[in-house]
């Protein structure tokens, strides 16, 4: 059991050595893309919420 765990972690270390990590510039650029998309979706969902809330007030009033 202990040798299986040791073997597993050795393989994990080997695989992590093969990973191509993004540069700082790439990380910052993709982070800004994610932030922009989240903001756009938030604005869209907020607008939908306002419209649907007003529609429900009209229906139930």
PDB file of N, CA and C in Angstrom:
ATOM      1  N   UNK A   1       0.828  -1.191   0.000  1.00  0.00           N
ATOM      2  CA  UNK A   1       0.000   0.000   0.000  1.00  0.00           C
ATOM      3  C   UNK A   1       0.873   1.255   0.000  1.00  0.00           C
ATOM      4  N   UNK A   2       1.913   1.263   0.841  1.00  0.00           N
ATOM      5  CA  UNK A   2       2.803   2.415   0.924  1.00  0.00           C
ATOM      6  C   UNK A   2       3.600   2.579  -0.368  1.00  0.00           C
ATOM      7  N   UNK A   3       3.967   1.472  -0.985  1.00  0.00           N
ATOM      8  CA  UNK A   3       4.721   1.559  -2.243  1.00  0.00           C
ATOM      9  C   UNK A   3       3.833   2.087  -3.371  1.00  0.00           C
ATOM     10  N   UNK A   4       2.530   1.773  -3.322  1.00  0.00           N
ATOM     11  CA  UNK A   4       1.601   2.310  -4.326  1.00  0.00           C
ATOM     12  C   UNK A   4       1.511   3.828  -4.217  1.00  0.00           C
ATOM     13  N   UNK A   5       1.439   4.335  -2.995  1.00  0.00           N
ATOM     14  CA  UNK A   5       1.362   5.774  -2.782  1.00  0.00           C
ATOM     15  C   UNK A   5       2.652   6.441  -3.237  1.00  0.00           C
ATOM     16  N   UNK A   6       3.784   5.827  -2.915  1.00  0.00           N
ATOM     17  CA  UNK A   6       5.081   6.385  -3.324  1.00  0.00           C
ATOM     18  C   UNK A   6       5.180   6.425  -4.849  1.00  0.00           C
ATOM     19  N   UNK A   7       4.764   5.347  -5.491  1.00  0.00           N
ATOM     20  CA  UNK A   7       4.783   5.271  -6.951  1.00  0.00           C
ATOM     21  C   UNK A   7       3.872   6.338  -7.559  1.00  0.00           C
ATOM     22  N   UNK A   8       2.704   6.524  -6.972  1.00  0.00           N
ATOM     23  CA  UNK A   8       1.764   7.522  -7.462  1.00  0.00           C
ATOM     24  C   UNK A   8       2.386   8.920  -7.420  1.00  0.00           C
ATOM     25  N   UNK A   9       2.984   9.291  -6.299  1.00  0.00           N
ATOM     26  CA  UNK A   9       3.558  10.628  -6.163  1.00  0.00           C
ATOM     27  C   UNK A   9       4.779  10.829  -7.060  1.00  0.00           C
ATOM     28  N   UNK A  10       5.528   9.761  -7.308  1.00  0.00           N
ATOM     29  CA  UNK A  10       6.642   9.862  -8.249  1.00  0.00           C
ATOM     30  C   UNK A  10       6.124  10.136  -9.660  1.00  0.00           C
ATOM     31  N   UNK A  11       5.033   9.476 -10.040  1.00  0.00           N
ATOM     32  CA  UNK A  11       4.437   9.708 -11.354  1.00  0.00           C
ATOM     33  C   UNK A  11       3.843  11.116 -11.463  1.00  0.00           C
ATOM     34  N   UNK A  12       3.245  11.592 -10.373  1.00  0.00           N
ATOM     35  CA  UNK A  12       2.701  12.951 -10.363  1.00  0.00           C
ATOM     36  C   UNK A  12       3.829  13.948 -10.579  1.00  0.00           C
ATOM     37  N   UNK A  13       4.939  13.767  -9.906  1.00  0.00           N
ATOM     38  CA  UNK A  13       6.090  14.662 -10.049  1.00  0.00           C
ATOM     39  C   UNK A  13       6.598  14.650 -11.489  1.00  0.00           C
ATOM     40  N   UNK A  14       6.652  13.474 -12.088  1.00  0.00           N
ATOM     41  CA  UNK A  14       7.090  13.358 -13.483  1.00  0.00           C
ATOM     42  C   UNK A  14       6.150  14.108 -14.419  1.00  0.00           C
ATOM     43  N   UNK A  15       4.851  13.932 -14.236  1.00  0.00           N
ATOM     44  CA  UNK A  15       3.865  14.579 -15.103  1.00  0.00           C
ATOM     45  C   UNK A  15       3.887  16.095 -14.935  1.00  0.00           C
ATOM     46  N   UNK A  16       4.053  16.577 -13.707  1.00  0.00           N
ATOM     47  CA  UNK A  16       4.113  18.022 -13.482  1.00  0.00           C
ATOM     48  C   UNK A  16       5.339  18.638 -14.145  1.00  0.00           C
ATOM     49  N   UNK A  17       6.378  17.857 -14.314  1.00  0.00           N
ATOM     50  CA  UNK A  17       7.563  18.343 -15.021  1.00  0.00           C
ATOM     51  C   UNK A  17       7.299  18.556 -16.498  1.00  0.00           C
ATOM     52  N   UNK A  18       6.298  17.891 -17.051  1.00  0.00           N
ATOM     53  CA  UNK A  18       5.959  18.009 -18.470  1.00  0.00           C
ATOM     54  C   UNK A  18       5.010  19.165 -18.765  1.00  0.00           C
ATOM     55  N   UNK A  19       4.443  19.751 -17.718  1.00  0.00           N
ATOM     56  CA  UNK A  19       3.453  20.811 -17.894  1.00  0.00           C
ATOM     57  C   UNK A  19       4.114  22.069 -18.433  1.00  0.00           C
ATOM     58  N   UNK A  20       3.467  22.697 -19.410  1.00  0.00           N
ATOM     59  CA  UNK A  20       3.933  23.984 -19.917  1.00  0.00           C
ATOM     60  C   UNK A  20       3.147  25.070 -19.189  1.00  0.00           C
ATOM     61  N   UNK A  21       3.806  25.766 -18.284  1.00  0.00           N
ATOM     62  CA  UNK A  21       3.140  26.776 -17.476  1.00  0.00           C
ATOM     63  C   UNK A  21       3.069  28.080 -18.254  1.00  0.00           C
ATOM     64  N   UNK A  22       1.977  28.839 -18.117  1.00  0.00           N
ATOM     65  CA  UNK A  22       1.862  30.116 -18.838  1.00  0.00           C
ATOM     66  C   UNK A  22       2.830  31.152 -18.268  1.00  0.00           C
ATOM     67  N   UNK A  23       3.209  32.087 -19.126  1.00  0.00           N
ATOM     68  CA  UNK A  23       4.074  33.169 -18.665  1.00  0.00           C
ATOM     69  C   UNK A  23       3.246  34.156 -17.842  1.00  0.00           C
ATOM     70  N   UNK A  24       3.924  35.059 -17.171  1.00  0.00           N
ATOM     71  CA  UNK A  24       3.231  36.077 -16.371  1.00  0.00           C
ATOM     72  C   UNK A  24       2.341  36.924 -17.274  1.00  0.00           C
ATOM     73  N   UNK A  25       2.852  37.275 -18.455  1.00  0.00           N
ATOM     74  CA  UNK A  25       2.092  38.100 -19.394  1.00  0.00           C
ATOM     75  C   UNK A  25       0.819  37.374 -19.844  1.00  0.00           C
ATOM     76  N   UNK A  26       0.926  36.086 -20.159  1.00  0.00           N
ATOM     77  CA  UNK A  26      -0.244  35.298 -20.572  1.00  0.00           C
ATOM     78  C   UNK A  26      -1.263  35.190 -19.436  1.00  0.00           C
ATOM     79  N   UNK A  27      -0.780  34.989 -18.232  1.00  0.00           N
ATOM     80  CA  UNK A  27      -1.672  34.865 -17.075  1.00  0.00           C
ATOM     81  C   UNK A  27      -2.450  36.157 -16.842  1.00  0.00           C
ATOM     82  N   UNK A  28      -1.762  37.291 -16.926  1.00  0.00           N
ATOM     83  CA  UNK A  28      -2.426  38.581 -16.721  1.00  0.00           C
ATOM     84  C   UNK A  28      -3.449  38.821 -17.825  1.00  0.00           C
ATOM     85  N   UNK A  29      -3.083  38.521 -19.077  1.00  0.00           N
ATOM     86  CA  UNK A  29      -3.997  38.745 -20.199  1.00  0.00           C
ATOM     87  C   UNK A  29      -5.254  37.891 -20.070  1.00  0.00           C
ATOM     88  N   UNK A  30      -5.100  36.626 -19.759  1.00  0.00           N
ATOM     89  CA  UNK A  30      -6.277  35.755 -19.643  1.00  0.00           C
ATOM     90  C   UNK A  30      -7.119  36.122 -18.426  1.00  0.00           C
ATOM     91  N   UNK A  31      -6.483  36.609 -17.371  1.00  0.00           N
ATOM     92  CA  UNK A  31      -7.234  37.055 -16.197  1.00  0.00           C
ATOM     93  C   UNK A  31      -8.137  38.225 -16.561  1.00  0.00           C
ATOM     94  N   UNK A  32      -7.617  39.184 -17.352  1.00  0.00           N
ATOM     95  CA  UNK A  32      -8.423  40.326 -17.769  1.00  0.00           C
ATOM     96  C   UNK A  32      -9.579  39.889 -18.655  1.00  0.00           C
ATOM     97  N   UNK A  33      -9.359  38.894 -19.494  1.00  0.00           N
ATOM     98  CA  UNK A  33     -10.446  38.380 -20.338  1.00  0.00           C
ATOM     99  C   UNK A  33     -11.548  37.790 -19.459  1.00  0.00           C
ATOM    100  N   UNK A  34     -11.161  37.021 -18.461  1.00  0.00           N
ATOM    101  CA  UNK A  34     -12.142  36.415 -17.554  1.00  0.00           C
ATOM    102  C   UNK A  34     -12.912  37.491 -16.802  1.00  0.00           C
ATOM    103  N   UNK A  35     -12.219  38.504 -16.294  1.00  0.00           N
ATOM    104  CA  UNK A  35     -12.875  39.586 -15.567  1.00  0.00           C
ATOM    105  C   UNK A  35     -13.876  40.301 -16.474  1.00  0.00           C
ATOM    106  N   UNK A  36     -13.478  40.586 -17.711  1.00  0.00           N
ATOM    107  CA  UNK A  36     -14.367  41.279 -18.648  1.00  0.00           C
ATOM    108  C   UNK A  36     -15.613  40.454 -18.948  1.00  0.00           C
ATOM    109  N   UNK A  37     -15.440  39.164 -19.178  1.00  0.00           N
ATOM    110  CA  UNK A  37     -16.581  38.294 -19.480  1.00  0.00           C
ATOM    111  C   UNK A  37     -17.519  38.202 -18.270  1.00  0.00           C
ATOM    112  N   UNK A  38     -16.956  38.086 -17.084  1.00  0.00           N
ATOM    113  CA  UNK A  38     -17.782  38.028 -15.870  1.00  0.00           C
ATOM    114  C   UNK A  38     -18.585  39.314 -15.714  1.00  0.00           C
ATOM    115  N   UNK A  39     -17.960  40.461 -15.971  1.00  0.00           N
ATOM    116  CA  UNK A  39     -18.679  41.729 -15.872  1.00  0.00           C
ATOM    117  C   UNK A  39     -19.805  41.809 -16.897  1.00  0.00           C
ATOM    118  N   UNK A  40     -19.540  41.398 -18.127  1.00  0.00           N
ATOM    119  CA  UNK A  40     -20.580  41.440 -19.161  1.00  0.00           C
ATOM    120  C   UNK A  40     -21.754  40.540 -18.806  1.00  0.00           C
ATOM    121  N   UNK A  41     -21.473  39.349 -18.347  1.00  0.00           N
ATOM    122  CA  UNK A  41     -22.543  38.420 -17.980  1.00  0.00           C
ATOM    123  C   UNK A  41     -23.313  38.951 -16.773  1.00  0.00           C
ATOM    124  N   UNK A  42     -22.596  39.549 -15.813  1.00  0.00           N
ATOM    125  CA  UNK A  42     -23.257  40.118 -14.637  1.00  0.00           C
ATOM    126  C   UNK A  42     -24.212  41.235 -15.029  1.00  0.00           C
ATOM    127  N   UNK A  43     -23.768  42.112 -15.935  1.00  0.00           N
ATOM    128  CA  UNK A  43     -24.637  43.191 -16.393  1.00  0.00           C
ATOM    129  C   UNK A  43     -25.861  42.643 -17.120  1.00  0.00           C
ATOM    130  N   UNK A  44     -25.659  41.642 -17.956  1.00  0.00           N
ATOM    131  CA  UNK A  44     -26.771  41.023 -18.684  1.00  0.00           C
ATOM    132  C   UNK A  44     -27.783  40.405 -17.719  1.00  0.00           C
ATOM    133  N   UNK A  45     -27.292  39.618 -16.765  1.00  0.00           N
ATOM    134  CA  UNK A  45     -28.195  38.971 -15.809  1.00  0.00           C
ATOM    135  C   UNK A  45     -28.888  39.995 -14.914  1.00  0.00           C
ATOM    136  N   UNK A  46     -28.173  41.071 -14.543  1.00  0.00           N
ATOM    137  CA  UNK A  46     -28.787  42.123 -13.753  1.00  0.00           C
ATOM    138  C   UNK A  46     -29.908  42.799 -14.515  1.00  0.00           C
ATOM    139  N   UNK A  47     -29.675  43.072 -15.799  1.00  0.00           N
ATOM    140  CA  UNK A  47     -30.713  43.691 -16.630  1.00  0.00           C
ATOM    141  C   UNK A  47     -31.913  42.760 -16.771  1.00  0.00           C
ATOM    142  N   UNK A  48     -31.667  41.479 -16.987  1.00  0.00           N
ATOM    143  CA  UNK A  48     -32.769  40.508 -17.078  1.00  0.00           C
ATOM    144  C   UNK A  48     -33.568  40.485 -15.781  1.00  0.00           C
ATOM    145  N   UNK A  49     -32.881  40.541 -14.653  1.00  0.00           N
ATOM    146  CA  UNK A  49     -33.549  40.522 -13.360  1.00  0.00           C
ATOM    147  C   UNK A  49     -34.453  41.740 -13.194  1.00  0.00           C
ATOM    148  N   UNK A  50     -33.947  42.908 -13.563  1.00  0.00           N
ATOM    149  CA  UNK A  50     -34.740  44.134 -13.445  1.00  0.00           C
ATOM    150  C   UNK A  50     -35.973  44.053 -14.340  1.00  0.00           C
ATOM    151  N   UNK A  51     -35.794  43.633 -15.576  1.00  0.00           N
ATOM    152  CA  UNK A  51     -36.915  43.541 -16.520  1.00  0.00           C
ATOM    153  C   UNK A  51     -37.950  42.536 -16.029  1.00  0.00           C
ATOM    154  N   UNK A  52     -37.505  41.365 -15.613  1.00  0.00           N
ATOM    155  CA  UNK A  52     -38.445  40.345 -15.149  1.00  0.00           C
ATOM    156  C   UNK A  52     -39.155  40.768 -13.862  1.00  0.00           C
ATOM    157  N   UNK A  53     -38.449  41.467 -12.974  1.00  0.00           N
ATOM    158  CA  UNK A  53     -39.079  41.949 -11.737  1.00  0.00           C
ATOM    159  C   UNK A  53     -40.186  42.956 -12.064  1.00  0.00           C
ATOM    160  N   UNK A  54     -39.918  43.872 -13.001  1.00  0.00           N
ATOM    161  CA  UNK A  54     -40.943  44.859 -13.384  1.00  0.00           C
ATOM    162  C   UNK A  54     -42.124  44.164 -14.062  1.00  0.00           C
ATOM    163  N   UNK A  55     -41.841  43.161 -14.882  1.00  0.00           N
ATOM    164  CA  UNK A  55     -42.894  42.409 -15.549  1.00  0.00           C
ATOM    165  C   UNK A  55     -43.769  41.691 -14.523  1.00  0.00           C
ATOM    166  N   UNK A  56     -43.168  41.111 -13.535  1.00  0.00           N
ATOM    167  CA  UNK A  56     -43.931  40.410 -12.490  1.00  0.00           C
ATOM    168  C   UNK A  56     -44.783  41.398 -11.690  1.00  0.00           C
ATOM    169  N   UNK A  57     -44.255  42.593 -11.407  1.00  0.00           N
ATOM    170  CA  UNK A  57     -45.033  43.604 -10.706  1.00  0.00           C
ATOM    171  C   UNK A  57     -46.261  43.994 -11.527  1.00  0.00           C
ATOM    172  N   UNK A  58     -46.092  44.123 -12.845  1.00  0.00           N
ATOM    173  CA  UNK A  58     -47.220  44.470 -13.705  1.00  0.00           C
ATOM    174  C   UNK A  58     -48.273  43.358 -13.727  1.00  0.00           C
ATOM    175  N   UNK A  59     -47.817  42.123 -13.778  1.00  0.00           N
ATOM    176  CA  UNK A  59     -48.741  40.984 -13.838  1.00  0.00           C
ATOM    177  C   UNK A  59     -49.496  40.821 -12.520  1.00  0.00           C
ATOM    178  N   UNK A  60     -48.783  40.958 -11.404  1.00  0.00           N
ATOM    179  CA  UNK A  60     -49.388  40.692 -10.099  1.00  0.00           C
ATOM    180  C   UNK A  60     -50.091  41.907  -9.494  1.00  0.00           C
ATOM    181  N   UNK A  61     -49.923  43.068 -10.070  1.00  0.00           N
ATOM    182  CA  UNK A  61     -50.532  44.270  -9.477  1.00  0.00           C
ATOM    183  C   UNK A  61     -52.002  44.403  -9.827  1.00  0.00           C
TER     184      UNK A  61
END
